[in-house]
Amino acid sequence: MRGLKVVPRPKPSEPGYSAVNYEYAGREGSIHEVVELSGRSLAKVGFKDRRIVYYYLEDLELDAKAPRKTFHDP
């Protein structure tokens, strides 16, 4: 999934999220890695301003057709 383009769509009042998660909601980013946390998949998402924000995988709108690329790639 590394490099897959995503748009976060976090659920309102998700206890695992902070204000930063909602600030980046709706912005396009790309997955850097996916890990398991307490039985849920958590994605490390990088944004164009080089900010990294973690989201539950279920709260990401995936664009499987887009080229896979992170801000580390040329």
N, C-alpha and C. Protein backbone atom coordinates (compact mmCIF):
# COMPACT_ATOMS: atom_id res chain seq x y z
N MET A 1 0.82 -1.20 0.00
CA MET A 1 0.00 0.00 0.00
C MET A 1 0.86 1.27 0.00
N ARG A 2 2.16 1.12 0.23
CA ARG A 2 3.05 2.28 0.29
C ARG A 2 2.91 3.12 -0.98
N GLY A 3 2.71 4.41 -0.79
CA GLY A 3 2.61 5.33 -1.90
C GLY A 3 1.21 5.49 -2.46
N LEU A 4 0.25 4.71 -1.97
CA LEU A 4 -1.12 4.80 -2.45
C LEU A 4 -1.73 6.14 -2.07
N LYS A 5 -2.33 6.84 -3.03
CA LYS A 5 -2.97 8.14 -2.77
C LYS A 5 -4.26 7.91 -1.98
N VAL A 6 -4.46 8.73 -0.93
CA VAL A 6 -5.63 8.61 -0.07
C VAL A 6 -6.15 9.99 0.31
N VAL A 7 -7.41 10.01 0.73
CA VAL A 7 -8.02 11.20 1.31
C VAL A 7 -8.67 10.76 2.62
N PRO A 8 -8.23 11.30 3.75
CA PRO A 8 -8.82 10.93 5.04
C PRO A 8 -10.25 11.45 5.18
N ARG A 9 -11.10 10.59 5.67
CA ARG A 9 -12.49 10.93 5.97
C ARG A 9 -12.80 10.41 7.38
N PRO A 10 -12.20 11.01 8.42
CA PRO A 10 -12.39 10.49 9.78
C PRO A 10 -13.82 10.65 10.28
N LYS A 11 -14.22 9.66 11.06
CA LYS A 11 -15.55 9.72 11.68
C LYS A 11 -15.56 10.82 12.74
N PRO A 12 -16.67 11.52 12.88
CA PRO A 12 -16.77 12.55 13.93
C PRO A 12 -16.61 11.93 15.31
N SER A 13 -15.92 12.64 16.18
CA SER A 13 -15.76 12.24 17.58
C SER A 13 -15.07 10.89 17.77
N GLU A 14 -14.16 10.50 16.88
CA GLU A 14 -13.39 9.27 17.05
C GLU A 14 -12.41 9.50 18.20
N PRO A 15 -12.50 8.71 19.28
CA PRO A 15 -11.65 8.97 20.45
C PRO A 15 -10.14 8.80 20.17
N GLY A 16 -9.78 8.07 19.13
CA GLY A 16 -8.38 7.88 18.80
C GLY A 16 -7.77 9.02 18.01
N TYR A 17 -8.54 10.03 17.66
CA TYR A 17 -8.07 11.14 16.84
C TYR A 17 -7.94 12.42 17.65
N SER A 18 -7.04 13.29 17.18
CA SER A 18 -6.87 14.61 17.79
C SER A 18 -7.31 15.67 16.78
N ALA A 19 -7.15 16.92 17.15
CA ALA A 19 -7.52 18.02 16.25
C ALA A 19 -6.75 17.97 14.94
N VAL A 20 -5.52 17.48 14.97
CA VAL A 20 -4.70 17.39 13.75
C VAL A 20 -5.35 16.45 12.74
N ASN A 21 -5.91 15.35 13.19
CA ASN A 21 -6.58 14.42 12.27
C ASN A 21 -7.72 15.12 11.53
N TYR A 22 -8.47 15.93 12.22
CA TYR A 22 -9.59 16.61 11.59
C TYR A 22 -9.12 17.79 10.74
N GLU A 23 -7.99 18.39 11.11
CA GLU A 23 -7.42 19.48 10.31
C GLU A 23 -7.00 18.97 8.93
N TYR A 24 -6.48 17.75 8.85
CA TYR A 24 -6.02 17.20 7.58
C TYR A 24 -7.09 16.39 6.85
N ALA A 25 -8.26 16.27 7.42
CA ALA A 25 -9.37 15.56 6.77
C ALA A 25 -9.71 16.23 5.44
N GLY A 26 -9.91 15.42 4.43
CA GLY A 26 -10.26 15.93 3.11
C GLY A 26 -9.08 16.31 2.25
N ARG A 27 -7.87 16.32 2.81
CA ARG A 27 -6.67 16.65 2.04
C ARG A 27 -6.08 15.37 1.44
N GLU A 28 -5.49 15.51 0.29
CA GLU A 28 -4.87 14.35 -0.36
C GLU A 28 -3.49 14.08 0.24
N GLY A 29 -3.23 12.82 0.54
CA GLY A 29 -1.93 12.39 1.05
C GLY A 29 -1.59 11.04 0.46
N SER A 30 -0.52 10.42 0.96
CA SER A 30 -0.16 9.09 0.50
C SER A 30 0.30 8.24 1.68
N ILE A 31 0.03 6.96 1.60
CA ILE A 31 0.36 6.02 2.66
C ILE A 31 1.87 5.75 2.66
N HIS A 32 2.46 5.82 3.84
CA HIS A 32 3.87 5.48 4.01
C HIS A 32 4.02 4.07 4.55
N GLU A 33 3.15 3.66 5.44
CA GLU A 33 3.13 2.30 5.95
C GLU A 33 1.82 2.05 6.68
N VAL A 34 1.53 0.79 6.88
CA VAL A 34 0.33 0.38 7.61
C VAL A 34 0.77 -0.57 8.72
N VAL A 35 0.28 -0.33 9.93
CA VAL A 35 0.58 -1.17 11.09
C VAL A 35 -0.73 -1.58 11.76
N GLU A 36 -0.64 -2.63 12.58
CA GLU A 36 -1.80 -3.07 13.36
C GLU A 36 -1.69 -2.52 14.77
N LEU A 37 -2.78 -1.97 15.29
CA LEU A 37 -2.83 -1.45 16.65
C LEU A 37 -4.15 -1.87 17.27
N SER A 38 -4.07 -2.68 18.29
CA SER A 38 -5.28 -3.16 18.99
C SER A 38 -6.28 -3.77 18.03
N GLY A 39 -5.79 -4.53 17.05
CA GLY A 39 -6.67 -5.22 16.11
C GLY A 39 -7.20 -4.36 14.98
N ARG A 40 -6.74 -3.12 14.88
CA ARG A 40 -7.18 -2.22 13.80
C ARG A 40 -5.97 -1.80 12.97
N SER A 41 -6.17 -1.61 11.68
CA SER A 41 -5.09 -1.18 10.80
C SER A 41 -4.97 0.34 10.85
N LEU A 42 -3.75 0.80 11.12
CA LEU A 42 -3.46 2.22 11.25
C LEU A 42 -2.47 2.59 10.15
N ALA A 43 -2.81 3.62 9.36
CA ALA A 43 -1.96 4.04 8.25
C ALA A 43 -1.22 5.33 8.61
N LYS A 44 0.07 5.34 8.29
CA LYS A 44 0.90 6.53 8.42
C LYS A 44 0.76 7.27 7.10
N VAL A 45 0.13 8.46 7.11
CA VAL A 45 -0.17 9.19 5.89
C VAL A 45 0.68 10.46 5.84
N GLY A 46 1.39 10.64 4.72
CA GLY A 46 2.20 11.84 4.50
C GLY A 46 1.48 12.82 3.58
N PHE A 47 1.61 14.10 3.88
CA PHE A 47 0.95 15.15 3.11
C PHE A 47 2.00 16.03 2.42
N LYS A 48 1.57 16.83 1.47
CA LYS A 48 2.49 17.66 0.67
C LYS A 48 3.33 18.62 1.50
N ASP A 49 2.81 19.04 2.65
CA ASP A 49 3.58 19.93 3.51
C ASP A 49 4.56 19.16 4.40
N ARG A 50 4.72 17.87 4.11
CA ARG A 50 5.63 16.94 4.79
C ARG A 50 5.16 16.54 6.19
N ARG A 51 3.93 16.85 6.52
CA ARG A 51 3.34 16.45 7.80
C ARG A 51 2.93 14.99 7.71
N ILE A 52 3.14 14.24 8.78
CA ILE A 52 2.71 12.85 8.88
C ILE A 52 1.58 12.79 9.89
N VAL A 53 0.47 12.15 9.53
CA VAL A 53 -0.68 12.01 10.41
C VAL A 53 -1.16 10.56 10.31
N TYR A 54 -1.48 9.95 11.42
CA TYR A 54 -1.96 8.57 11.44
C TYR A 54 -3.49 8.53 11.39
N TYR A 55 -4.01 7.62 10.56
CA TYR A 55 -5.45 7.40 10.44
C TYR A 55 -5.75 5.92 10.44
N TYR A 56 -6.92 5.56 10.93
CA TYR A 56 -7.38 4.18 10.78
C TYR A 56 -7.64 3.95 9.30
N LEU A 57 -7.21 2.80 8.82
CA LEU A 57 -7.33 2.49 7.40
C LEU A 57 -8.77 2.59 6.91
N GLU A 58 -9.71 2.23 7.77
CA GLU A 58 -11.13 2.27 7.38
C GLU A 58 -11.63 3.70 7.15
N ASP A 59 -10.88 4.71 7.63
CA ASP A 59 -11.28 6.11 7.46
C ASP A 59 -10.58 6.79 6.28
N LEU A 60 -9.95 5.99 5.42
CA LEU A 60 -9.26 6.54 4.26
C LEU A 60 -9.98 6.16 2.98
N GLU A 61 -10.16 7.15 2.13
CA GLU A 61 -10.70 6.94 0.78
C GLU A 61 -9.47 6.65 -0.10
N LEU A 62 -9.40 5.43 -0.64
CA LEU A 62 -8.23 4.99 -1.41
C LEU A 62 -8.42 5.26 -2.90
N ASP A 63 -7.35 5.68 -3.56
CA ASP A 63 -7.36 5.87 -5.01
C ASP A 63 -6.37 4.88 -5.61
N ALA A 64 -6.83 3.67 -5.84
CA ALA A 64 -5.97 2.59 -6.34
C ALA A 64 -5.49 2.84 -7.76
N LYS A 65 -6.14 3.74 -8.51
CA LYS A 65 -5.76 4.00 -9.90
C LYS A 65 -4.61 5.00 -10.00
N ALA A 66 -4.38 5.79 -8.96
CA ALA A 66 -3.34 6.83 -9.01
C ALA A 66 -1.95 6.19 -8.90
N PRO A 67 -0.93 6.84 -9.47
CA PRO A 67 0.44 6.32 -9.32
C PRO A 67 0.83 6.33 -7.85
N ARG A 68 1.57 5.32 -7.43
CA ARG A 68 2.01 5.24 -6.05
C ARG A 68 3.29 6.05 -5.88
N LYS A 69 3.23 7.04 -4.98
CA LYS A 69 4.36 7.93 -4.78
C LYS A 69 4.23 8.61 -3.43
N THR A 70 5.35 8.77 -2.72
CA THR A 70 5.36 9.52 -1.47
C THR A 70 6.21 10.78 -1.68
N PHE A 71 6.24 11.68 -0.70
CA PHE A 71 7.02 12.89 -0.89
C PHE A 71 8.52 12.62 -0.87
N HIS A 72 8.93 11.38 -0.55
CA HIS A 72 10.34 10.99 -0.60
C HIS A 72 10.78 10.67 -2.02
N ASP A 73 9.83 10.33 -2.88
CA ASP A 73 10.15 9.96 -4.26
C ASP A 73 10.35 11.21 -5.11
N PRO A 74 11.27 11.13 -6.10
CA PRO A 74 11.50 12.31 -6.97
C PRO A 74 10.32 12.60 -7.87
